[in-house]
Amino acid sequence: MLALRHGPAPGQALYTGRAASLDIEVDDHGPE
């Protein structure tokens, strides 16, 4: 949460990293 408060850059990086990993594991579930 603190990372998001610091700015969209660090928050986006964390979300993008997690999303990319999840996208591979739950590809059949969707891009989420």
C-alpha atoms as a PDB file:
ATOM      1  CA  MET A   1       0.000   0.000   0.000  1.00  0.00           C
ATOM      2  CA  LEU A   2       2.833   2.381   0.864  1.00  0.00           C
ATOM      3  CA  ALA A   3       4.369   1.798  -2.554  1.00  0.00           C
ATOM      4  CA  LEU A   4       1.143   2.976  -4.197  1.00  0.00           C
ATOM      5  CA  ARG A   5       1.149   6.119  -2.060  1.00  0.00           C
ATOM      6  CA  HIS A   6       4.677   6.919  -3.186  1.00  0.00           C
ATOM      7  CA  GLY A   7       3.496   7.159  -6.769  1.00  0.00           C
ATOM      8  CA  PRO A   8       2.041   5.288  -9.766  1.00  0.00           C
ATOM      9  CA  ALA A   9       5.498   4.246 -10.959  1.00  0.00           C
ATOM     10  CA  PRO A  10       6.481   1.910  -8.068  1.00  0.00           C
ATOM     11  CA  GLY A  11       2.914   0.719  -7.592  1.00  0.00           C
ATOM     12  CA  GLN A  12       2.489  -0.025 -11.286  1.00  0.00           C
ATOM     13  CA  ALA A  13       5.772  -1.943 -11.356  1.00  0.00           C
ATOM     14  CA  LEU A  14       4.679  -4.199  -8.489  1.00  0.00           C
ATOM     15  CA  TYR A  15       1.198  -4.733  -9.961  1.00  0.00           C
ATOM     16  CA  THR A  16       2.603  -5.406 -13.429  1.00  0.00           C
ATOM     17  CA  GLY A  17       5.078  -7.934 -12.045  1.00  0.00           C
ATOM     18  CA  ARG A  18       2.397  -9.785 -10.093  1.00  0.00           C
ATOM     19  CA  ALA A  19      -0.094  -9.594 -12.945  1.00  0.00           C
ATOM     20  CA  ALA A  20       2.433 -11.028 -15.402  1.00  0.00           C
ATOM     21  CA  SER A  21       3.132 -13.952 -13.078  1.00  0.00           C
ATOM     22  CA  LEU A  22      -0.570 -14.550 -12.417  1.00  0.00           C
ATOM     23  CA  ASP A  23      -1.376 -14.296 -16.111  1.00  0.00           C
ATOM     24  CA  ILE A  24       0.843 -17.322 -16.762  1.00  0.00           C
ATOM     25  CA  GLU A  25      -0.592 -19.372 -13.891  1.00  0.00           C
ATOM     26  CA  VAL A  26      -4.264 -18.494 -14.388  1.00  0.00           C
ATOM     27  CA  ASP A  27      -4.152 -17.892 -18.132  1.00  0.00           C
ATOM     28  CA  ASP A  28      -7.355 -19.875 -18.631  1.00  0.00           C
ATOM     29  CA  HIS A  29      -9.065 -17.688 -16.017  1.00  0.00           C
ATOM     30  CA  GLY A  30      -8.189 -14.447 -17.778  1.00  0.00           C
ATOM     31  CA  PRO A  31      -5.553 -11.690 -17.916  1.00  0.00           C
ATOM     32  CA  GLU A  32      -6.169 -10.979 -14.233  1.00  0.00           C
END
